[in-house]
C-alpha atoms as a PDB file:
ATOM      1  CA  MET A   1       8.662  -3.464   4.165  1.00  0.00           C
ATOM      2  CA  LEU A   2       6.198  -5.643   4.150  1.00  0.00           C
ATOM      3  CA  LYS A   3       4.693  -3.534   2.913  1.00  0.00           C
ATOM      4  CA  GLY A   4       6.585  -3.963   0.160  1.00  0.00           C
ATOM      5  CA  LYS A   5       7.047  -7.167   0.572  1.00  0.00           C
ATOM      6  CA  TYR A   6       8.297  -8.390   3.499  1.00  0.00           C
ATOM      7  CA  MET A   7       5.584  -8.178   5.447  1.00  0.00           C
ATOM      8  CA  CYS A   8       3.561  -5.986   4.501  1.00  0.00           C
ATOM      9  CA  GLN A   9       1.590  -8.130   6.201  1.00  0.00           C
ATOM     10  CA  LEU A  10       3.213  -9.419   8.939  1.00  0.00           C
ATOM     11  CA  LEU A  11       0.206  -7.849  10.215  1.00  0.00           C
ATOM     12  CA  GLY A  12       0.967 -10.223  12.839  1.00  0.00           C
ATOM     13  CA  LYS A  13       1.678  -7.641  15.160  1.00  0.00           C
ATOM     14  CA  ILE A  14       0.048  -4.776  13.681  1.00  0.00           C
ATOM     15  CA  GLU A  15      -2.391  -4.831  16.542  1.00  0.00           C
ATOM     16  CA  SER A  16       0.278  -4.441  19.183  1.00  0.00           C
ATOM     17  CA  THR A  17       2.034  -1.942  16.960  1.00  0.00           C
ATOM     18  CA  PHE A  18      -1.116   0.166  16.732  1.00  0.00           C
ATOM     19  CA  LYS A  19      -1.198   0.351  20.500  1.00  0.00           C
ATOM     20  CA  ASN A  20       2.534   0.774  21.031  1.00  0.00           C
ATOM     21  CA  PHE A  21       3.183   3.401  18.399  1.00  0.00           C
ATOM     22  CA  HIS A  22      -0.073   5.301  18.244  1.00  0.00           C
ATOM     23  CA  PRO A  23      -2.471   5.051  21.171  1.00  0.00           C
ATOM     24  CA  LYS A  24      -4.665   7.684  19.494  1.00  0.00           C
ATOM     25  CA  ALA A  25      -5.547   5.217  16.777  1.00  0.00           C
ATOM     26  CA  ALA A  26      -8.376   3.785  18.823  1.00  0.00           C
ATOM     27  CA  GLY A  27     -10.267   1.150  16.956  1.00  0.00           C
ATOM     28  CA  ALA A  28      -7.359   0.475  14.623  1.00  0.00           C
ATOM     29  CA  SER A  29      -6.928  -2.958  16.185  1.00  0.00           C
ATOM     30  CA  ASN A  30     -10.234  -3.890  14.567  1.00  0.00           C
ATOM     31  CA  VAL A  31      -8.238  -4.145  11.348  1.00  0.00           C
ATOM     32  CA  CYS A  32      -6.247  -6.984  12.855  1.00  0.00           C
ATOM     33  CA  ARG A  33      -9.241  -8.803  14.250  1.00  0.00           C
ATOM     34  CA  GLN A  34     -10.679  -8.973  10.771  1.00  0.00           C
ATOM     35  CA  VAL A  35      -7.489 -10.024   8.994  1.00  0.00           C
ATOM     36  CA  ILE A  36      -8.115 -13.729   9.480  1.00  0.00           C
ATOM     37  CA  ARG A  37     -11.441 -13.411   7.684  1.00  0.00           C
ATOM     38  CA  SER A  38      -9.765 -11.509   4.873  1.00  0.00           C
ATOM     39  CA  CYS A  39      -7.108 -14.201   4.565  1.00  0.00           C
ATOM     40  CA  SER A  40      -9.735 -16.790   3.707  1.00  0.00           C
ATOM     41  CA  SER A  41     -11.901 -14.485   1.605  1.00  0.00           C
ATOM     42  CA  GLN A  42     -12.246 -15.581  -1.990  1.00  0.00           C
ATOM     43  CA  ASN A  43     -13.816 -12.537  -3.590  1.00  0.00           C
ATOM     44  CA  ALA A  44     -14.344 -12.874  -7.326  1.00  0.00           C
ATOM     45  CA  GLU A  45     -14.106  -9.138  -7.819  1.00  0.00           C
ATOM     46  CA  LEU A  46     -11.003  -7.991  -6.017  1.00  0.00           C
ATOM     47  CA  LEU A  47     -11.197  -4.559  -7.619  1.00  0.00           C
ATOM     48  CA  GLN A  48     -13.849  -2.163  -8.837  1.00  0.00           C
ATOM     49  CA  VAL A  49     -12.607  -0.363 -11.946  1.00  0.00           C
ATOM     50  CA  GLU A  50     -14.749   2.341 -13.503  1.00  0.00           C
ATOM     51  CA  ARG A  51     -14.663   5.701 -15.252  1.00  0.00           C
ATOM     52  CA  ASP A  52     -15.188   8.796 -13.200  1.00  0.00           C
ATOM     53  CA  SER A  53     -18.707  10.163 -13.478  1.00  0.00           C
ATOM     54  CA  VAL A  54     -17.461  13.718 -14.061  1.00  0.00           C
ATOM     55  CA  HIS A  55     -14.053  13.390 -15.717  1.00  0.00           C
ATOM     56  CA  LYS A  56     -14.567  10.642 -18.255  1.00  0.00           C
ATOM     57  CA  ASP A  57     -10.823  10.453 -18.929  1.00  0.00           C
ATOM     58  CA  VAL A  58     -10.118   9.435 -15.322  1.00  0.00           C
ATOM     59  CA  GLY A  59     -10.315   5.853 -14.101  1.00  0.00           C
ATOM     60  CA  TRP A  60     -11.088   4.799 -10.529  1.00  0.00           C
ATOM     61  CA  ILE A  61      -9.472   1.648  -9.149  1.00  0.00           C
ATOM     62  CA  LYS A  62     -11.130   0.704  -5.862  1.00  0.00           C
ATOM     63  CA  LEU A  63      -9.717  -2.091  -3.721  1.00  0.00           C
ATOM     64  CA  ASN A  64     -12.480  -4.580  -2.981  1.00  0.00           C
ATOM     65  CA  ARG A  65     -11.374  -7.522  -0.860  1.00  0.00           C
ATOM     66  CA  PRO A  66     -13.364  -7.424   2.391  1.00  0.00           C
ATOM     67  CA  PRO A  67     -12.929  -7.075   5.204  1.00  0.00           C
ATOM     68  CA  VAL A  68      -9.568  -5.260   5.106  1.00  0.00           C
ATOM     69  CA  ASN A  69      -8.263  -5.333   1.521  1.00  0.00           C
ATOM     70  CA  SER A  70      -5.243  -7.466   2.351  1.00  0.00           C
ATOM     71  CA  PHE A  71      -3.200  -8.138  -0.778  1.00  0.00           C
ATOM     72  CA  SER A  72      -3.201 -11.731  -1.993  1.00  0.00           C
ATOM     73  CA  LYS A  73      -0.930 -12.738  -4.852  1.00  0.00           C
ATOM     74  CA  GLN A  74      -3.890 -12.519  -7.235  1.00  0.00           C
ATOM     75  CA  MET A  75      -5.007  -9.120  -5.995  1.00  0.00           C
ATOM     76  CA  LEU A  76      -1.512  -7.706  -6.469  1.00  0.00           C
ATOM     77  CA  ALA A  77      -1.508  -8.993 -10.036  1.00  0.00           C
ATOM     78  CA  ASP A  78      -5.000  -7.597 -10.692  1.00  0.00           C
ATOM     79  CA  ILE A  79      -4.034  -4.110  -9.507  1.00  0.00           C
ATOM     80  CA  ALA A  80      -0.918  -4.043 -11.682  1.00  0.00           C
ATOM     81  CA  THR A  81      -2.907  -5.290 -14.665  1.00  0.00           C
ATOM     82  CA  SER A  82      -5.636  -2.678 -14.148  1.00  0.00           C
ATOM     83  CA  VAL A  83      -3.109   0.143 -13.994  1.00  0.00           C
ATOM     84  CA  ASN A  84      -1.461  -1.153 -17.169  1.00  0.00           C
ATOM     85  CA  THR A  85      -4.809  -1.507 -18.967  1.00  0.00           C
ATOM     86  CA  ILE A  86      -5.845   2.054 -18.148  1.00  0.00           C
ATOM     87  CA  GLU A  87      -2.425   3.373 -19.162  1.00  0.00           C
ATOM     88  CA  ASN A  88      -2.686   1.723 -22.567  1.00  0.00           C
ATOM     89  CA  ASP A  89      -6.164   3.072 -23.253  1.00  0.00           C
ATOM     90  CA  PRO A  90      -5.745   6.507 -24.900  1.00  0.00           C
ATOM     91  CA  THR A  91      -9.149   7.604 -23.613  1.00  0.00           C
ATOM     92  CA  TYR A  92      -7.735   7.746 -20.061  1.00  0.00           C
ATOM     93  CA  ARG A  93      -5.472  10.502 -18.734  1.00  0.00           C
ATOM     94  CA  GLY A  94      -5.414   9.833 -14.993  1.00  0.00           C
ATOM     95  CA  ILE A  95      -6.088   7.341 -12.186  1.00  0.00           C
ATOM     96  CA  ILE A  96      -7.614   7.672  -8.724  1.00  0.00           C
ATOM     97  CA  LEU A  97      -6.837   4.825  -6.342  1.00  0.00           C
ATOM     98  CA  SER A  98      -9.194   4.196  -3.423  1.00  0.00           C
ATOM     99  CA  SER A  99     -11.169   1.506  -1.572  1.00  0.00           C
ATOM    100  CA  SER A 100     -14.761   0.305  -1.575  1.00  0.00           C
ATOM    101  CA  ILE A 101     -14.598  -0.580   2.139  1.00  0.00           C
ATOM    102  CA  PRO A 102     -15.472   2.239   4.575  1.00  0.00           C
ATOM    103  CA  GLY A 103     -12.668   3.053   7.000  1.00  0.00           C
ATOM    104  CA  ILE A 104     -10.153   0.726   5.319  1.00  0.00           C
ATOM    105  CA  PHE A 105      -7.782   1.557   2.493  1.00  0.00           C
ATOM    106  CA  SER A 106      -5.629  -1.564   2.877  1.00  0.00           C
ATOM    107  CA  SER A 107      -4.150  -3.512   5.772  1.00  0.00           C
ATOM    108  CA  GLY A 108      -1.207  -4.563   3.584  1.00  0.00           C
ATOM    109  CA  LEU A 109      -0.006  -7.919   2.356  1.00  0.00           C
ATOM    110  CA  ASP A 110      -2.079 -11.001   3.098  1.00  0.00           C
ATOM    111  CA  ILE A 111      -0.154 -12.707   5.874  1.00  0.00           C
ATOM    112  CA  THR A 112      -1.250 -16.189   4.820  1.00  0.00           C
ATOM    113  CA  GLU A 113       0.636 -15.688   1.560  1.00  0.00           C
ATOM    114  CA  MET A 114       3.821 -15.719   3.628  1.00  0.00           C
ATOM    115  CA  TYR A 115       3.106 -18.759   5.773  1.00  0.00           C
ATOM    116  CA  GLN A 116       4.025 -22.380   5.062  1.00  0.00           C
ATOM    117  CA  LYS A 117       4.473 -21.887   1.336  1.00  0.00           C
ATOM    118  CA  THR A 118       7.287 -23.011  -0.978  1.00  0.00           C
ATOM    119  CA  PRO A 119      10.260 -20.785  -1.908  1.00  0.00           C
ATOM    120  CA  ASP A 120       8.893 -20.596  -5.457  1.00  0.00           C
ATOM    121  CA  TYR A 121       5.549 -19.366  -4.155  1.00  0.00           C
ATOM    122  CA  TYR A 122       7.221 -16.683  -2.032  1.00  0.00           C
ATOM    123  CA  ALA A 123       9.273 -15.628  -5.057  1.00  0.00           C
ATOM    124  CA  ASP A 124       6.167 -15.270  -7.231  1.00  0.00           C
ATOM    125  CA  PHE A 125       4.398 -13.366  -4.486  1.00  0.00           C
ATOM    126  CA  TRP A 126       7.234 -10.875  -4.074  1.00  0.00           C
ATOM    127  CA  HIS A 127       7.538 -10.521  -7.843  1.00  0.00           C
ATOM    128  CA  ASN A 128       3.901  -9.383  -7.844  1.00  0.00           C
ATOM    129  CA  VAL A 129       4.653  -6.869  -5.096  1.00  0.00           C
ATOM    130  CA  GLN A 130       7.492  -5.464  -7.180  1.00  0.00           C
ATOM    131  CA  GLU A 131       5.306  -5.370 -10.286  1.00  0.00           C
ATOM    132  CA  LEU A 132       2.601  -3.453  -8.441  1.00  0.00           C
ATOM    133  CA  TRP A 133       5.172  -0.917  -7.294  1.00  0.00           C
ATOM    134  CA  LEU A 134       6.737  -0.524 -10.739  1.00  0.00           C
ATOM    135  CA  ARG A 135       3.348  -0.044 -12.389  1.00  0.00           C
ATOM    136  CA  LEU A 136       2.186   2.563  -9.892  1.00  0.00           C
ATOM    137  CA  TYR A 137       5.437   4.438  -9.319  1.00  0.00           C
ATOM    138  CA  GLY A 138       6.356   4.322 -13.000  1.00  0.00           C
ATOM    139  CA  SER A 139       2.950   5.167 -14.456  1.00  0.00           C
ATOM    140  CA  HIS A 140       3.060   7.953 -17.031  1.00  0.00           C
ATOM    141  CA  LEU A 141      -0.410   9.019 -15.837  1.00  0.00           C
ATOM    142  CA  PRO A 142      -1.029  11.086 -12.700  1.00  0.00           C
ATOM    143  CA  VAL A 143      -2.154   8.757  -9.895  1.00  0.00           C
ATOM    144  CA  ILE A 144      -4.049  10.229  -6.939  1.00  0.00           C
ATOM    145  CA  ALA A 145      -4.527   8.227  -3.733  1.00  0.00           C
ATOM    146  CA  ALA A 146      -7.895   8.767  -2.022  1.00  0.00           C
ATOM    147  CA  ILE A 147      -7.119   7.089   1.302  1.00  0.00           C
ATOM    148  CA  ASN A 148     -10.429   6.438   3.018  1.00  0.00           C
ATOM    149  CA  GLY A 149      -9.109   4.697   6.152  1.00  0.00           C
ATOM    150  CA  HIS A 150      -6.312   2.647   7.711  1.00  0.00           C
ATOM    151  CA  SER A 151      -3.271   2.184   5.495  1.00  0.00           C
ATOM    152  CA  PRO A 152      -0.396   0.434   7.305  1.00  0.00           C
ATOM    153  CA  ALA A 153       2.403  -1.562   5.692  1.00  0.00           C
ATOM    154  CA  GLY A 154       1.463  -2.608   2.153  1.00  0.00           C
ATOM    155  CA  GLY A 155      -1.290  -0.021   2.129  1.00  0.00           C
ATOM    156  CA  CYS A 156       1.320   2.648   2.746  1.00  0.00           C
ATOM    157  CA  LEU A 157       3.469   1.122   0.004  1.00  0.00           C
ATOM    158  CA  MET A 158       0.683   1.730  -2.507  1.00  0.00           C
ATOM    159  CA  VAL A 159       0.177   5.267  -1.279  1.00  0.00           C
ATOM    160  CA  LEU A 160       3.874   6.065  -1.682  1.00  0.00           C
ATOM    161  CA  GLY A 161       3.686   4.969  -5.304  1.00  0.00           C
ATOM    162  CA  CYS A 162       1.102   7.653  -6.084  1.00  0.00           C
ATOM    163  CA  ASP A 163       1.709  11.255  -7.163  1.00  0.00           C
ATOM    164  CA  TYR A 164      -0.591  12.914  -4.634  1.00  0.00           C
ATOM    165  CA  ARG A 165      -2.077  11.574  -1.408  1.00  0.00           C
ATOM    166  CA  ILE A 166      -5.344  12.670   0.195  1.00  0.00           C
ATOM    167  CA  MET A 167      -6.494  10.998   3.427  1.00  0.00           C
ATOM    168  CA  ALA A 168      -9.844  11.046   5.170  1.00  0.00           C
ATOM    169  CA  THR A 169      -9.860  12.547   8.644  1.00  0.00           C
ATOM    170  CA  GLY A 170     -10.571  10.208  11.532  1.00  0.00           C
ATOM    171  CA  LYS A 171      -8.737   7.888  13.906  1.00  0.00           C
ATOM    172  CA  TYR A 172      -6.836   6.191  11.096  1.00  0.00           C
ATOM    173  CA  ILE A 173      -3.191   5.204  10.810  1.00  0.00           C
ATOM    174  CA  ILE A 174      -0.640   4.999   8.018  1.00  0.00           C
ATOM    175  CA  GLY A 175       3.023   4.017   7.899  1.00  0.00           C
ATOM    176  CA  LEU A 176       5.635   1.351   7.285  1.00  0.00           C
ATOM    177  CA  ASN A 177       5.719  -0.708  10.480  1.00  0.00           C
ATOM    178  CA  GLU A 178       7.455  -3.893   9.285  1.00  0.00           C
ATOM    179  CA  VAL A 179      10.195  -3.760  11.916  1.00  0.00           C
ATOM    180  CA  ALA A 180       7.601  -4.517  14.571  1.00  0.00           C
ATOM    181  CA  VAL A 181       7.689  -8.126  13.384  1.00  0.00           C
ATOM    182  CA  GLY A 182      11.420  -8.325  12.808  1.00  0.00           C
ATOM    183  CA  LEU A 183      11.428  -7.404   9.120  1.00  0.00           C
ATOM    184  CA  SER A 184      12.836  -4.509   7.156  1.00  0.00           C
ATOM    185  CA  PRO A 185      11.298  -2.715   4.177  1.00  0.00           C
ATOM    186  CA  PRO A 186      13.256  -3.201   0.934  1.00  0.00           C
ATOM    187  CA  LEU A 187      15.674  -0.437   0.053  1.00  0.00           C
ATOM    188  CA  TRP A 188      13.515   0.870  -2.783  1.00  0.00           C
ATOM    189  CA  LEU A 189      10.605   1.387  -0.421  1.00  0.00           C
ATOM    190  CA  GLN A 190      12.795   3.020   2.217  1.00  0.00           C
ATOM    191  CA  GLU A 191      14.039   5.445  -0.419  1.00  0.00           C
ATOM    192  CA  ALA A 192      10.474   6.315  -1.387  1.00  0.00           C
ATOM    193  CA  MET A 193       9.748   7.083   2.264  1.00  0.00           C
ATOM    194  CA  VAL A 194      12.831   9.308   2.431  1.00  0.00           C
ATOM    195  CA  LYS A 195      11.627  11.244  -0.613  1.00  0.00           C
ATOM    196  CA  ALA A 196       8.224  11.731   0.996  1.00  0.00           C
ATOM    197  CA  ILE A 197       9.173  12.849   4.501  1.00  0.00           C
ATOM    198  CA  GLY A 198      12.924  13.528   4.452  1.00  0.00           C
ATOM    199  CA  PHE A 199      15.855  11.457   5.656  1.00  0.00           C
ATOM    200  CA  GLY A 200      15.700  12.324   9.347  1.00  0.00           C
ATOM    201  CA  HIS A 201      11.993  11.628   9.796  1.00  0.00           C
ATOM    202  CA  ALA A 202      12.137   8.543   7.578  1.00  0.00           C
ATOM    203  CA  GLU A 203      15.059   7.001   9.442  1.00  0.00           C
ATOM    204  CA  LYS A 204      13.278   7.358  12.773  1.00  0.00           C
ATOM    205  CA  ALA A 205       9.969   6.125  11.407  1.00  0.00           C
ATOM    206  CA  LEU A 206      11.470   3.090   9.657  1.00  0.00           C
ATOM    207  CA  LYS A 207      13.575   2.055  12.643  1.00  0.00           C
ATOM    208  CA  SER A 208      10.704   2.395  15.108  1.00  0.00           C
ATOM    209  CA  GLY A 209       7.859   1.173  12.913  1.00  0.00           C
ATOM    210  CA  THR A 210       5.973   4.427  13.369  1.00  0.00           C
ATOM    211  CA  LEU A 211       2.302   4.468  12.477  1.00  0.00           C
ATOM    212  CA  PHE A 212       1.204   8.047  11.877  1.00  0.00           C
ATOM    213  CA  SER A 213      -2.171   9.528  12.714  1.00  0.00           C
ATOM    214  CA  VAL A 214      -3.783  11.442   9.842  1.00  0.00           C
ATOM    215  CA  GLU A 215      -2.708  14.745  11.366  1.00  0.00           C
ATOM    216  CA  ASP A 216       0.881  13.606  11.897  1.00  0.00           C
ATOM    217  CA  ALA A 217       1.057  12.122   8.408  1.00  0.00           C
ATOM    218  CA  VAL A 218       0.080  15.467   6.864  1.00  0.00           C
ATOM    219  CA  GLU A 219       2.581  17.325   9.032  1.00  0.00           C
ATOM    220  CA  ALA A 220       5.372  14.913   8.092  1.00  0.00           C
ATOM    221  CA  GLY A 221       4.559  15.043   4.375  1.00  0.00           C
ATOM    222  CA  LEU A 222       3.561  11.403   4.065  1.00  0.00           C
ATOM    223  CA  VAL A 223       0.069  12.626   3.152  1.00  0.00           C
ATOM    224  CA  ASP A 224      -0.423  15.823   1.153  1.00  0.00           C
ATOM    225  CA  GLN A 225      -3.888  16.726   2.383  1.00  0.00           C
ATOM    226  CA  SER A 226      -6.639  15.568   4.736  1.00  0.00           C
ATOM    227  CA  VAL A 227     -10.367  16.096   4.256  1.00  0.00           C
ATOM    228  CA  SER A 228     -13.567  14.830   5.819  1.00  0.00           C
ATOM    229  CA  PRO A 229     -14.614  11.349   4.639  1.00  0.00           C
ATOM    230  CA  GLU A 230     -17.695  12.708   2.892  1.00  0.00           C
ATOM    231  CA  ASN A 231     -15.539  15.102   0.841  1.00  0.00           C
ATOM    232  CA  LEU A 232     -12.763  12.661  -0.032  1.00  0.00           C
ATOM    233  CA  GLU A 233     -13.922  11.576  -3.483  1.00  0.00           C
ATOM    234  CA  GLU A 234     -14.837  15.077  -4.587  1.00  0.00           C
ATOM    235  CA  THR A 235     -11.496  16.414  -3.372  1.00  0.00           C
ATOM    236  CA  ALA A 236      -9.646  13.683  -5.275  1.00  0.00           C
ATOM    237  CA  ARG A 237     -11.679  14.494  -8.364  1.00  0.00           C
ATOM    238  CA  ASN A 238     -10.851  18.207  -8.065  1.00  0.00           C
ATOM    239  CA  GLU A 239      -7.186  17.484  -7.467  1.00  0.00           C
ATOM    240  CA  ILE A 240      -6.709  15.294 -10.516  1.00  0.00           C
ATOM    241  CA  ALA A 241      -8.462  17.953 -12.600  1.00  0.00           C
ATOM    242  CA  LYS A 242      -5.609  20.309 -11.670  1.00  0.00           C
ATOM    243  CA  TRP A 243      -3.039  17.770 -12.827  1.00  0.00           C
ATOM    244  CA  LEU A 244      -4.871  17.271 -16.105  1.00  0.00           C
ATOM    245  CA  LYS A 245      -4.614  20.967 -16.917  1.00  0.00           C
ATOM    246  CA  ILE A 246      -0.892  20.423 -17.426  1.00  0.00           C
ATOM    247  CA  PRO A 247       0.059  19.156 -20.913  1.00  0.00           C
ATOM    248  CA  ASP A 248       0.341  15.379 -20.709  1.00  0.00           C
ATOM    249  CA  HIS A 249       3.715  15.118 -22.421  1.00  0.00           C
ATOM    250  CA  ALA A 250       5.347  17.692 -20.162  1.00  0.00           C
ATOM    251  CA  ARG A 251       3.952  16.216 -16.978  1.00  0.00           C
ATOM    252  CA  SER A 252       4.836  12.667 -17.995  1.00  0.00           C
ATOM    253  CA  LEU A 253       8.370  13.581 -19.029  1.00  0.00           C
ATOM    254  CA  SER A 254       9.018  15.435 -15.779  1.00  0.00           C
ATOM    255  CA  LYS A 255       7.775  12.450 -13.792  1.00  0.00           C
ATOM    256  CA  GLN A 256       9.924  10.064 -15.801  1.00  0.00           C
ATOM    257  CA  MET A 257      13.029  12.168 -15.249  1.00  0.00           C
ATOM    258  CA  MET A 258      12.373  12.338 -11.507  1.00  0.00           C
ATOM    259  CA  ARG A 259      11.650   8.637 -11.045  1.00  0.00           C
ATOM    260  CA  SER A 260      13.578   6.782 -13.748  1.00  0.00           C
ATOM    261  CA  LYS A 261      16.732   6.256 -11.687  1.00  0.00           C
ATOM    262  CA  ALA A 262      14.801   4.662  -8.821  1.00  0.00           C
ATOM    263  CA  ILE A 263      12.897   2.431 -11.224  1.00  0.00           C
ATOM    264  CA  GLU A 264      16.091   1.363 -12.991  1.00  0.00           C
ATOM    265  CA  THR A 265      17.575   0.383  -9.627  1.00  0.00           C
ATOM    266  CA  VAL A 266      14.602  -1.831  -8.787  1.00  0.00           C
ATOM    267  CA  LEU A 267      14.784  -3.519 -12.185  1.00  0.00           C
ATOM    268  CA  LYS A 268      18.545  -4.003 -11.966  1.00  0.00           C
ATOM    269  CA  ASP A 269      18.408  -5.566  -8.498  1.00  0.00           C
ATOM    270  CA  ARG A 270      15.056  -7.287  -8.923  1.00  0.00           C
ATOM    271  CA  GLN A 271      16.213 -10.887  -8.536  1.00  0.00           C
ATOM    272  CA  LYS A 272      18.364 -10.091  -5.517  1.00  0.00           C
ATOM    273  CA  ASP A 273      15.414  -8.339  -3.904  1.00  0.00           C
ATOM    274  CA  ILE A 274      13.273 -11.430  -4.501  1.00  0.00           C
ATOM    275  CA  ASP A 275      15.968 -13.738  -3.131  1.00  0.00           C
ATOM    276  CA  ASP A 276      16.350 -11.575  -0.033  1.00  0.00           C
ATOM    277  CA  PHE A 277      12.623 -11.696   0.629  1.00  0.00           C
ATOM    278  CA  VAL A 278      12.426 -15.466   0.154  1.00  0.00           C
ATOM    279  CA  ASN A 279      15.368 -16.028   2.482  1.00  0.00           C
ATOM    280  CA  MET A 280      13.913 -13.728   5.093  1.00  0.00           C
ATOM    281  CA  VAL A 281      10.350 -15.003   5.153  1.00  0.00           C
ATOM    282  CA  SER A 282      11.537 -18.626   5.104  1.00  0.00           C
ATOM    283  CA  GLN A 283      13.420 -18.210   8.361  1.00  0.00           C
ATOM    284  CA  PRO A 284      11.995 -20.460  11.113  1.00  0.00           C
ATOM    285  CA  ALA A 285      11.739 -17.515  13.503  1.00  0.00           C
ATOM    286  CA  ILE A 286       9.610 -15.538  11.013  1.00  0.00           C
ATOM    287  CA  GLN A 287       7.412 -18.538  10.227  1.00  0.00           C
ATOM    288  CA  ASN A 288       6.946 -19.124  13.945  1.00  0.00           C
ATOM    289  CA  THR A 289       5.911 -15.486  14.478  1.00  0.00           C
ATOM    290  CA  ILE A 290       3.397 -15.631  11.650  1.00  0.00           C
ATOM    291  CA  GLY A 291       1.984 -18.932  12.868  1.00  0.00           C
ATOM    292  CA  LYS A 292       1.487 -17.613  16.393  1.00  0.00           C
ATOM    293  CA  TYR A 293      -0.213 -14.535  15.070  1.00  0.00           C
ATOM    294  CA  LEU A 294      -2.634 -16.524  12.937  1.00  0.00           C
ATOM    295  CA  GLN A 295      -3.463 -18.697  15.937  1.00  0.00           C
ATOM    296  CA  SER A 296      -4.121 -15.616  18.054  1.00  0.00           C
ATOM    297  CA  LEU A 297      -6.531 -14.310  15.409  1.00  0.00           C
ATOM    298  CA  LYS A 298      -8.401 -17.611  15.361  1.00  0.00           C
ATOM    299  CA  ALA A 299      -8.635 -17.539  19.148  1.00  0.00           C
ATOM    300  CA  ARG A 300     -10.167 -14.057  19.067  1.00  0.00           C
ATOM    301  CA  LYS A 301     -12.874 -15.253  16.705  1.00  0.00           C
ATOM    302  CA  LYS A 302     -14.128 -17.819  19.209  1.00  0.00           C
END
């Protein structure tokens, strides 16, 4: 998945994937051209966490790692911690997940986190990916995704962990495209994709690395609704208000019953999933692909 873990960021080919799988996504390759700058970005505030101005019992978590919100090990940990903190504060009843960067939700995992590191580092990194997923997917609060731009790989992973997904209209893309760089999303992420768009569509999309346009994502069921960028936040605010009209205990229990089996599977097979990722990303062929991609990004900057 790479998104999940594997590669979320093997963004190292996201550019060619944009072109190969969705020519309509003009301008999407700009995400890739900026990845190298994101890889070296050391932003002190990786997230913006605040209460909603209207619904005081709703917390906003906005990704804030310019230029493309690629997930470093620290950022993954910060997101999981923020979700947990909000969950454990009784004054909150819901979460809206978005981005502070116009036109970019998240490009996925930070590719430099998967290049020339030790097996222990890769293991810690993937553990953080798992923890992010478990916190989001298993949250007892309703979590709404306000997707304000491109959301390939790891960005799509985050979106799939939410309860409801709203995407801004525009020439944006979303999907799990890890296979484009020779990787496969972990089983738990594949199963989440199946639940979102059905087995037939998911199998084709996962095998081909499909990146959906906003319109196609809505049609497939990967995204629940699309709205103009200027109406995105208000729509997310209105949507979570609907969820909060349902008694918390009933909504939370229903969610737990629907998702507990999938969560138990991730927890049960957690170490094997980590070992599989470490073995995969450590392969010389994968390291060579990542290295070439990073070099190509540097060359484009000159």
